[in-house]
Amino acid sequence: MTDAPRTPDSCRLALPAEAERIAAIQRRSWQQLFPTDVAEHVLASVDLASMTESWAHAIAKPPLAKFRVLVAIEDGRVVGFAAIGPSDDDDAHPGQDAMVGEFIVDPPAQRQGHGSRLLNAVADTLRADGFTRATWWVRSTDDPLRRFLDSAGWAPDGSHRTVGTEDEAASVKMIRLHTALG
């Protein structure tokens, strides 16, 4: 009996058929990342089928030409993803500033190098698309992510905001990090 060769871990552009896996990972991560009240409210407001449809559309027909969904792959299956594109911040420089809108590694696949590979793929893709700076809104209390990004050259730029549910039942404080892509 011979073991089949292992597919190397990698990152690449997402395929529409991977939308359900991306949505499932996103839902699992919200349970881990957000305060319980925020996670419950957000998860109750959108189902897996709707999220899958949104991701499939974002992958197959991106809203902008330079919008990308990248995936981290382990043994041929998606274990993480990132959604990147032009920054929509009011102070962004069009054509120069990009944003990381989502970046999630499935909780069971964390601390295995997928985040680092995916972050490198994000930077490479944004550079190839002509961006010179990237920004990323992160929860102010997400110390592990902030340490990870700090070690990769990201730093706070002084911007902050609070995001929450429409009924203001739950909110999260965010800070913006940035890095040069040159």
Protein backbone atom coordinates (compact mmCIF):
# COMPACT_ATOMS: atom_id res chain seq x y z
CA MET A 1 0.00 0.00 0.00
CA THR A 2 1.42 3.35 -1.04
CA ASP A 3 0.41 6.70 0.30
CA ALA A 4 -0.68 9.20 -2.32
CA PRO A 5 1.66 12.17 -2.64
CA ARG A 6 0.65 15.11 -0.50
CA THR A 7 -0.35 18.29 -2.33
CA PRO A 8 1.85 21.16 -1.14
CA ASP A 9 0.14 23.86 0.89
CA SER A 10 -0.40 26.92 -1.29
CA CYS A 11 -2.44 30.04 -2.04
CA ARG A 12 -4.26 30.99 -5.23
CA LEU A 13 -7.31 32.79 -6.59
CA ALA A 14 -10.58 31.29 -5.35
CA LEU A 15 -12.90 29.31 -7.61
CA PRO A 16 -16.69 29.84 -7.56
CA ALA A 17 -17.15 26.20 -6.49
CA GLU A 18 -15.27 27.03 -3.26
CA ALA A 19 -17.79 29.66 -2.15
CA GLU A 20 -19.63 27.37 0.26
CA ARG A 21 -16.39 26.37 2.01
CA ILE A 22 -15.39 30.05 2.27
CA ALA A 23 -18.79 30.95 3.76
CA ALA A 24 -18.58 28.08 6.26
CA ILE A 25 -15.10 29.15 7.37
CA GLN A 26 -16.29 32.74 7.74
CA ARG A 27 -19.24 31.67 9.91
CA ARG A 28 -17.00 29.51 12.15
CA SER A 29 -14.49 32.30 12.55
CA TRP A 30 -17.16 34.82 13.57
CA GLN A 31 -18.04 32.56 16.50
CA GLN A 32 -14.41 32.63 17.59
CA LEU A 33 -13.47 36.22 16.77
CA PHE A 34 -16.43 38.34 17.81
CA PRO A 35 -17.96 38.90 21.21
CA THR A 36 -20.81 36.43 21.75
CA ASP A 37 -23.57 39.04 21.37
CA VAL A 38 -22.13 40.32 18.07
CA ALA A 39 -21.54 36.81 16.69
CA GLU A 40 -25.04 35.63 17.57
CA HIS A 41 -26.65 38.72 16.05
CA VAL A 42 -24.62 38.54 12.83
CA LEU A 43 -25.05 34.78 12.38
CA ALA A 44 -28.81 35.05 12.93
CA SER A 45 -29.06 37.78 10.29
CA VAL A 46 -27.60 35.77 7.38
CA ASP A 47 -27.70 32.08 6.51
CA LEU A 48 -25.05 29.88 4.92
CA ALA A 49 -26.87 29.73 1.56
CA SER A 50 -27.01 33.53 1.26
CA MET A 51 -23.35 33.85 2.23
CA THR A 52 -22.39 31.17 -0.29
CA GLU A 53 -24.26 33.00 -3.04
CA SER A 54 -22.54 36.28 -2.14
CA TRP A 55 -19.08 34.70 -2.20
CA ALA A 56 -19.78 32.88 -5.48
CA HIS A 57 -20.82 36.18 -7.04
CA ALA A 58 -17.78 38.02 -5.62
CA ILE A 59 -15.48 35.36 -7.08
CA ALA A 60 -17.15 34.92 -10.48
CA LYS A 61 -18.21 38.53 -11.06
CA PRO A 62 -16.16 40.79 -8.78
CA PRO A 63 -17.65 44.20 -8.01
CA LEU A 64 -14.43 45.90 -9.17
CA ALA A 65 -11.75 44.88 -11.65
CA LYS A 66 -9.07 44.67 -8.95
CA PHE A 67 -11.20 42.88 -6.36
CA ARG A 68 -9.76 39.44 -5.57
CA VAL A 69 -10.63 36.50 -3.36
CA LEU A 70 -7.59 34.39 -2.52
CA VAL A 71 -7.65 31.02 -0.78
CA ALA A 72 -5.16 29.08 1.32
CA ILE A 73 -5.11 25.40 0.35
CA GLU A 74 -4.09 22.37 2.43
CA ASP A 75 -4.29 18.90 0.92
CA GLY A 76 -6.48 20.22 -1.88
CA ARG A 77 -9.08 21.90 0.35
CA VAL A 78 -9.66 25.52 1.32
CA VAL A 79 -8.52 26.32 4.86
CA GLY A 80 -8.50 30.12 4.67
CA PHE A 81 -9.29 33.07 2.47
CA ALA A 82 -8.73 36.77 1.93
CA ALA A 83 -10.83 39.35 0.10
CA ILE A 84 -8.78 42.28 -1.17
CA GLY A 85 -9.20 45.24 -3.47
CA PRO A 86 -9.10 49.00 -3.75
CA SER A 87 -9.60 50.83 -0.45
CA ASP A 88 -12.98 52.44 0.05
CA ASP A 89 -11.83 54.63 2.94
CA ASP A 90 -12.58 58.34 2.57
CA ASP A 91 -8.90 59.26 2.83
CA ALA A 92 -7.67 56.58 0.39
CA HIS A 93 -5.64 57.52 -2.67
CA PRO A 94 -7.37 55.90 -5.69
CA GLY A 95 -5.13 53.48 -7.55
CA GLN A 96 -2.55 53.51 -4.75
CA ASP A 97 -4.35 52.33 -1.60
CA ALA A 98 -5.73 48.82 -1.28
CA MET A 99 -7.56 47.15 1.56
CA VAL A 100 -7.79 43.75 3.12
CA GLY A 101 -11.54 43.38 3.61
CA GLU A 102 -11.52 39.83 4.99
CA PHE A 103 -8.70 37.55 6.08
CA ILE A 104 -9.60 34.33 7.82
CA VAL A 105 -7.85 31.05 8.44
CA ASP A 106 -10.19 28.29 9.61
CA PRO A 107 -9.69 27.94 13.38
CA PRO A 108 -8.63 24.24 13.17
CA ALA A 109 -6.01 25.14 10.52
CA GLN A 110 -4.44 28.06 12.38
CA ARG A 111 -0.77 28.13 13.43
CA GLN A 112 0.29 25.91 10.52
CA GLY A 113 1.74 28.59 8.23
CA HIS A 114 -1.42 29.23 6.20
CA GLY A 115 -1.80 32.79 7.52
CA SER A 116 1.76 33.71 6.57
CA ARG A 117 1.40 32.21 3.09
CA LEU A 118 -1.92 33.93 2.59
CA LEU A 119 -0.56 37.28 3.80
CA ASN A 120 2.36 36.99 1.36
CA ALA A 121 -0.07 36.14 -1.46
CA VAL A 122 -2.16 39.20 -0.52
CA ALA A 123 0.88 41.49 -0.69
CA ASP A 124 2.11 39.96 -3.97
CA THR A 125 -1.33 40.25 -5.58
CA LEU A 126 -1.83 43.85 -4.48
CA ARG A 127 1.63 44.81 -5.75
CA ALA A 128 0.92 43.10 -9.08
CA ASP A 129 -2.31 45.14 -9.29
CA GLY A 130 -0.27 48.35 -8.91
CA PHE A 131 -1.10 49.27 -5.32
CA THR A 132 1.60 50.88 -3.16
CA ARG A 133 -0.08 50.78 0.27
CA ALA A 134 -2.56 48.48 1.98
CA THR A 135 -4.86 49.08 4.93
CA TRP A 136 -6.71 46.68 7.19
CA TRP A 137 -9.37 47.37 9.81
CA VAL A 138 -8.89 45.04 12.81
CA ARG A 139 -10.70 44.69 16.11
CA SER A 140 -8.93 46.73 18.77
CA THR A 141 -8.97 43.72 21.09
CA ASP A 142 -7.56 41.18 18.59
CA ASP A 143 -4.07 41.11 20.06
CA PRO A 144 -2.96 37.88 18.32
CA LEU A 145 -3.81 39.29 14.87
CA ARG A 146 -2.20 42.62 15.68
CA ARG A 147 1.02 40.87 16.83
CA PHE A 148 1.02 38.77 13.64
CA LEU A 149 0.57 41.84 11.44
CA ASP A 150 3.11 43.86 13.42
CA SER A 151 5.70 41.12 12.83
CA ALA A 152 4.93 41.37 9.08
CA GLY A 153 5.48 45.15 8.95
CA TRP A 154 1.95 46.49 9.53
CA ALA A 155 1.37 49.33 12.00
CA PRO A 156 -1.53 51.47 13.25
CA ASP A 157 -2.04 54.67 11.26
CA GLY A 158 -4.09 56.47 13.93
CA SER A 159 -7.53 55.86 12.41
CA HIS A 160 -10.24 54.16 14.42
CA ARG A 161 -13.99 53.52 14.21
CA THR A 162 -16.80 51.60 15.83
CA VAL A 163 -18.93 49.23 13.77
CA GLY A 164 -22.08 47.56 14.95
CA THR A 165 -25.50 46.26 14.24
CA GLU A 166 -28.14 48.59 12.82
CA ASP A 167 -30.13 48.41 16.05
CA GLU A 168 -26.94 49.27 17.99
CA ALA A 169 -27.38 46.13 20.09
CA ALA A 170 -23.75 45.16 19.55
CA SER A 171 -20.65 47.01 18.43
CA VAL A 172 -16.93 46.44 17.92
CA LYS A 173 -14.11 48.99 18.10
CA MET A 174 -11.73 48.84 15.14
CA ILE A 175 -8.31 50.33 14.41
CA ARG A 176 -6.74 50.68 11.00
CA LEU A 177 -3.35 49.21 10.24
CA HIS A 178 -1.32 49.97 7.13
CA THR A 179 1.79 48.81 5.31
CA ALA A 180 3.81 49.87 2.30
CA LEU A 181 3.77 47.42 -0.59
CA GLY A 182 6.82 48.77 -2.41
